[in-house]
Amino acid sequence: MGRLDGKVVVITGAASGIGREAAALFASEGALVCVADLGASAGLGQEVAAACSEAFFQPVDVSDPASVQEMYAETVRRYGGVDVLYNNAGIMPPDDDSILLTEPDAWDRVQSVNARGVYLCCKFGIPCLLERGGGSVINVASFVALMGAATSQIAYTASKGAVLALSRELAVQFARQGVRVNALCPGPVETPLLERLFSDDPAAWERRRVHLPMGRLATAREIASAALFLASDESSYVNGATFVVDGGLTAAYVTPT
């Protein structure tokens, strides 16, 4: 028996990275999965869906209300409802830098996906959960919502702070209607982008590694496993949580040598 047997899960940003891992993991635990991502990622998204026991790919632009509404409508048409929202889509473009360097258009681009996207996915997704008598919302924030960095990505950091505050408010508002809302805050994760960055600049990796108590990055599967717990009934009394999965990074003052 799977931990998500029969639950319908919508995962945004599911064509790659943590979303891809989560789609495979959730499906292996019995979930029916909407693998949602940009239309430009359709090939990858369809591969993810095909590898799952029960899933389909849905193109979505999370910054567009009509596109988000269609994502949920198609999921309901196929599976009869929605039980879990995993709002995972996000961007961190290279022109998001120090506030002194980040231009307004870069700021707006990041907010439109990372903050507005979560707002829209909750606005149109929570009514689907209410129709089922409740469910779980997992909004992806970040450890950067909890601490500052001298090597700033100001728009990304601000957007994740917004997700954290939004999640707390929704958790309180909908708790008595059976909807749990939690903010998942990953630490740095092994991704192709980070691996490429660190292979090009080993010194940059050493500067980061010294701050990691465990001396390594998280794997995508480790973050997906935390999301699985929040999606499942095992977390039935977890609501409004800042669910930090960072290997101790936000707890650290100094780290082992």
Protein backbone atom coordinates (compact mmCIF):
# COMPACT_ATOMS: atom_id res chain seq x y z
CA MET A 1 0.00 0.00 0.00
CA GLY A 2 1.41 3.37 -1.05
CA ARG A 3 1.58 6.48 1.11
CA LEU A 4 -0.40 8.47 -1.48
CA ASP A 5 -2.76 5.78 -2.77
CA GLY A 6 -5.53 7.39 -4.83
CA LYS A 7 -4.46 10.96 -4.13
CA VAL A 8 -4.41 13.36 -7.07
CA VAL A 9 -1.33 15.58 -7.05
CA VAL A 10 -0.53 18.61 -9.21
CA ILE A 11 3.21 19.35 -9.39
CA THR A 12 4.40 22.49 -11.14
CA GLY A 13 7.94 22.66 -12.48
CA ALA A 14 7.78 18.88 -12.80
CA ALA A 15 9.73 18.39 -16.03
CA SER A 16 13.13 18.55 -14.34
CA GLY A 17 15.01 18.76 -11.06
CA ILE A 18 13.17 18.30 -7.79
CA GLY A 19 9.79 18.33 -9.52
CA ARG A 20 10.81 15.44 -11.76
CA GLU A 21 12.01 13.43 -8.75
CA ALA A 22 8.81 14.21 -6.89
CA ALA A 23 6.60 13.08 -9.77
CA ALA A 24 8.36 9.71 -9.93
CA LEU A 25 8.36 9.29 -6.15
CA PHE A 26 4.74 10.32 -5.66
CA ALA A 27 3.58 8.03 -8.48
CA SER A 28 5.51 5.12 -6.94
CA GLU A 29 3.52 5.75 -3.75
CA GLY A 30 0.18 5.47 -5.55
CA ALA A 31 -0.55 9.07 -6.57
CA LEU A 32 -2.17 10.17 -9.81
CA VAL A 33 0.05 13.00 -11.01
CA CYS A 34 -0.38 16.08 -13.16
CA VAL A 35 3.14 16.78 -14.43
CA ALA A 36 2.92 20.51 -15.11
CA ASP A 37 5.59 22.68 -16.71
CA LEU A 38 6.13 25.19 -19.49
CA GLY A 39 5.06 24.18 -22.96
CA ALA A 40 8.69 24.56 -24.02
CA SER A 41 9.49 21.65 -21.68
CA ALA A 42 6.79 19.40 -23.15
CA GLY A 43 9.25 16.75 -24.34
CA LEU A 44 10.82 16.37 -20.92
CA GLY A 45 7.45 16.58 -19.19
CA GLN A 46 5.97 13.86 -21.35
CA GLU A 47 8.98 11.65 -20.56
CA VAL A 48 8.35 12.16 -16.85
CA ALA A 49 4.66 11.35 -17.21
CA ALA A 50 5.36 8.26 -19.31
CA ALA A 51 7.72 6.93 -16.63
CA CYS A 52 5.04 7.22 -13.94
CA SER A 53 2.39 4.59 -13.32
CA GLU A 54 -0.46 7.11 -13.71
CA ALA A 55 0.32 10.64 -14.87
CA PHE A 56 -0.12 13.13 -17.68
CA PHE A 57 1.76 16.21 -18.84
CA GLN A 58 0.02 19.58 -18.77
CA PRO A 59 1.65 22.71 -20.20
CA VAL A 60 1.29 25.65 -17.82
CA ASP A 61 2.55 29.18 -17.35
CA VAL A 62 2.11 29.69 -13.62
CA SER A 63 2.15 33.48 -14.04
CA ASP A 64 -0.97 33.34 -16.25
CA PRO A 65 -4.37 32.92 -14.51
CA ALA A 66 -6.08 31.24 -17.47
CA SER A 67 -3.24 28.74 -17.87
CA VAL A 68 -3.33 27.83 -14.16
CA GLN A 69 -7.11 27.42 -14.23
CA GLU A 70 -6.83 25.11 -17.25
CA MET A 71 -4.21 23.01 -15.43
CA TYR A 72 -6.61 22.31 -12.60
CA ALA A 73 -9.61 21.90 -14.89
CA GLU A 74 -7.79 19.26 -16.95
CA THR A 75 -6.69 17.43 -13.80
CA VAL A 76 -10.27 17.37 -12.52
CA ARG A 77 -11.52 16.17 -15.91
CA ARG A 78 -9.08 13.28 -15.88
CA TYR A 79 -9.04 12.27 -12.23
CA GLY A 80 -12.19 13.70 -10.68
CA GLY A 81 -10.54 16.18 -8.30
CA VAL A 82 -7.33 17.37 -6.67
CA ASP A 83 -5.91 16.45 -3.26
CA VAL A 84 -2.39 17.91 -3.21
CA LEU A 85 -0.88 21.08 -4.65
CA TYR A 86 2.91 20.98 -4.91
CA ASN A 87 3.76 24.50 -6.05
CA ASN A 88 7.36 23.89 -7.06
CA ALA A 89 7.91 26.03 -10.18
CA GLY A 90 10.51 28.76 -9.78
CA ILE A 91 13.29 30.62 -11.56
CA MET A 92 16.64 32.18 -10.61
CA PRO A 93 17.91 33.99 -13.73
CA PRO A 94 21.55 35.11 -14.04
CA ASP A 95 20.58 38.80 -14.10
CA ASP A 96 19.14 38.52 -10.57
CA ASP A 97 22.04 39.87 -8.51
CA SER A 98 22.72 42.54 -5.90
CA ILE A 99 20.00 45.15 -5.55
CA LEU A 100 22.52 47.60 -7.04
CA LEU A 101 22.72 45.54 -10.23
CA THR A 102 19.31 43.89 -10.60
CA GLU A 103 17.10 45.82 -13.02
CA PRO A 104 13.34 46.22 -12.58
CA ASP A 105 12.55 43.85 -15.46
CA ALA A 106 14.58 41.06 -13.83
CA TRP A 107 12.83 41.72 -10.51
CA ASP A 108 9.42 41.55 -12.19
CA ARG A 109 10.26 38.34 -14.07
CA VAL A 110 11.26 36.53 -10.89
CA GLN A 111 8.26 37.76 -8.90
CA SER A 112 5.87 36.78 -11.70
CA VAL A 113 6.89 33.12 -11.48
CA ASN A 114 8.05 32.62 -7.90
CA ALA A 115 5.54 34.76 -6.00
CA ARG A 116 2.63 35.44 -8.39
CA GLY A 117 2.83 31.82 -9.59
CA VAL A 118 2.34 30.44 -6.07
CA TYR A 119 -0.45 32.96 -5.45
CA LEU A 120 -2.29 31.86 -8.60
CA CYS A 121 -1.77 28.16 -7.96
CA CYS A 122 -3.21 28.58 -4.47
CA LYS A 123 -6.02 30.92 -5.57
CA PHE A 124 -7.33 28.47 -8.16
CA GLY A 125 -6.13 25.23 -6.54
CA ILE A 126 -7.44 25.57 -3.00
CA PRO A 127 -11.07 25.59 -4.17
CA CYS A 128 -10.39 22.17 -5.73
CA LEU A 129 -9.15 20.91 -2.35
CA LEU A 130 -12.19 22.36 -0.58
CA GLU A 131 -14.45 20.41 -2.95
CA ARG A 132 -12.72 17.22 -1.73
CA GLY A 133 -13.13 18.20 1.92
CA GLY A 134 -9.49 19.21 2.35
CA GLY A 135 -5.99 18.46 1.19
CA SER A 136 -2.36 19.51 1.35
CA VAL A 137 -0.63 22.53 -0.17
CA ILE A 138 3.17 22.49 -0.40
CA ASN A 139 4.61 25.85 -1.40
CA VAL A 140 8.31 25.84 -2.21
CA ALA A 141 10.11 28.67 -0.44
CA SER A 142 13.84 28.42 0.38
CA PHE A 143 16.36 28.67 3.16
CA VAL A 144 17.14 32.13 1.78
CA ALA A 145 13.76 33.27 3.11
CA LEU A 146 15.27 32.80 6.57
CA MET A 147 18.78 34.23 6.26
CA GLY A 148 20.72 36.76 4.22
CA ALA A 149 23.64 36.34 1.84
CA ALA A 150 26.38 38.72 0.79
CA THR A 151 26.32 37.09 -2.66
CA SER A 152 22.76 38.19 -3.22
CA GLN A 153 20.02 37.23 -5.65
CA ILE A 154 17.70 39.90 -4.34
CA ALA A 155 14.62 39.16 -6.44
CA TYR A 156 14.78 35.42 -5.72
CA THR A 157 15.27 36.01 -1.99
CA ALA A 158 12.37 38.46 -1.82
CA SER A 159 10.10 36.13 -3.78
CA LYS A 160 10.78 33.23 -1.42
CA GLY A 161 10.10 35.46 1.59
CA ALA A 162 6.74 36.27 0.03
CA VAL A 163 5.97 32.55 -0.43
CA LEU A 164 6.77 31.92 3.23
CA ALA A 165 4.47 34.69 4.48
CA LEU A 166 1.70 33.71 2.05
CA SER A 167 1.86 30.09 3.21
CA ARG A 168 1.47 31.02 6.88
CA GLU A 169 -1.58 33.14 6.21
CA LEU A 170 -3.29 30.49 4.11
CA ALA A 171 -2.50 27.83 6.71
CA VAL A 172 -4.37 29.77 9.35
CA GLN A 173 -7.25 30.76 7.09
CA PHE A 174 -8.11 27.27 5.79
CA ALA A 175 -7.10 24.98 8.67
CA ARG A 176 -10.67 24.37 9.89
CA GLN A 177 -11.73 23.46 6.35
CA GLY A 178 -9.27 20.59 6.20
CA VAL A 179 -6.63 22.29 4.06
CA ARG A 180 -3.06 22.22 5.36
CA VAL A 181 -0.54 24.68 3.91
CA ASN A 182 3.18 24.35 4.53
CA ALA A 183 6.27 26.07 3.16
CA LEU A 184 9.04 23.69 2.11
CA CYS A 185 12.40 25.44 2.50
CA PRO A 186 15.23 23.49 0.82
CA GLY A 187 18.87 24.28 1.27
CA PRO A 188 21.22 24.22 -1.73
CA VAL A 189 20.43 21.27 -3.97
CA GLU A 190 22.51 19.36 -6.51
CA THR A 191 21.26 20.63 -9.85
CA PRO A 192 22.86 20.69 -13.30
CA LEU A 193 23.13 24.49 -13.00
CA LEU A 194 25.01 24.41 -9.67
CA GLU A 195 27.19 21.49 -10.72
CA ARG A 196 28.19 23.37 -13.87
CA LEU A 197 28.87 26.54 -11.90
CA PHE A 198 31.06 24.77 -9.35
CA SER A 199 32.95 22.71 -11.94
CA ASP A 200 33.84 25.96 -13.73
CA ASP A 201 34.85 27.65 -10.47
CA PRO A 202 36.06 25.17 -7.79
CA ALA A 203 36.86 28.07 -5.47
CA ALA A 204 33.18 29.04 -5.49
CA TRP A 205 32.28 25.52 -4.34
CA GLU A 206 34.80 25.72 -1.50
CA ARG A 207 33.35 29.05 -0.37
CA ARG A 208 29.88 27.45 -0.25
CA ARG A 209 30.92 24.11 1.19
CA VAL A 210 32.49 25.62 4.31
CA HIS A 211 29.02 26.82 5.37
CA LEU A 212 27.37 23.41 4.98
CA PRO A 213 27.44 21.41 8.24
CA MET A 214 27.12 18.13 6.33
CA GLY A 215 29.74 19.21 3.79
CA ARG A 216 27.54 18.49 0.78
CA LEU A 217 24.50 19.66 -1.16
CA ALA A 218 21.11 18.01 -0.86
CA THR A 219 19.97 15.63 -3.58
CA ALA A 220 16.73 16.25 -5.42
CA ARG A 221 15.37 12.98 -4.00
CA GLU A 222 15.97 14.17 -0.43
CA ILE A 223 13.84 17.26 -1.02
CA ALA A 224 11.17 15.25 -2.85
CA SER A 225 11.03 12.85 0.11
CA ALA A 226 10.29 15.76 2.44
CA ALA A 227 7.52 16.88 0.10
CA LEU A 228 6.13 13.32 0.12
CA PHE A 229 5.77 13.50 3.90
CA LEU A 230 3.93 16.82 3.65
CA ALA A 231 1.66 15.46 0.91
CA SER A 232 0.77 12.32 2.87
CA ASP A 233 -1.61 11.81 5.77
CA GLU A 234 1.42 11.16 7.97
CA SER A 235 1.72 14.96 8.29
CA SER A 236 -1.96 15.43 9.22
CA TYR A 237 -1.09 17.78 12.12
CA VAL A 238 1.64 19.68 10.28
CA ASN A 239 0.23 23.04 9.21
CA GLY A 240 1.73 26.49 8.78
CA ALA A 241 5.19 25.01 9.13
CA THR A 242 8.44 26.41 7.83
CA PHE A 243 9.65 22.96 6.84
CA VAL A 244 13.41 23.41 6.52
CA VAL A 245 15.42 20.70 4.75
CA ASP A 246 18.90 22.17 4.63
CA GLY A 247 21.30 19.77 6.37
CA GLY A 248 21.57 22.19 9.31
CA LEU A 249 22.65 25.23 7.29
CA THR A 250 20.25 27.71 8.92
CA ALA A 251 21.22 26.38 12.37
CA ALA A 252 24.95 26.89 11.87
CA TYR A 253 27.22 29.56 13.31
CA VAL A 254 30.45 27.76 12.52
CA THR A 255 30.79 24.37 10.89
CA PRO A 256 33.13 21.41 11.44
CA THR A 257 36.56 21.77 9.88
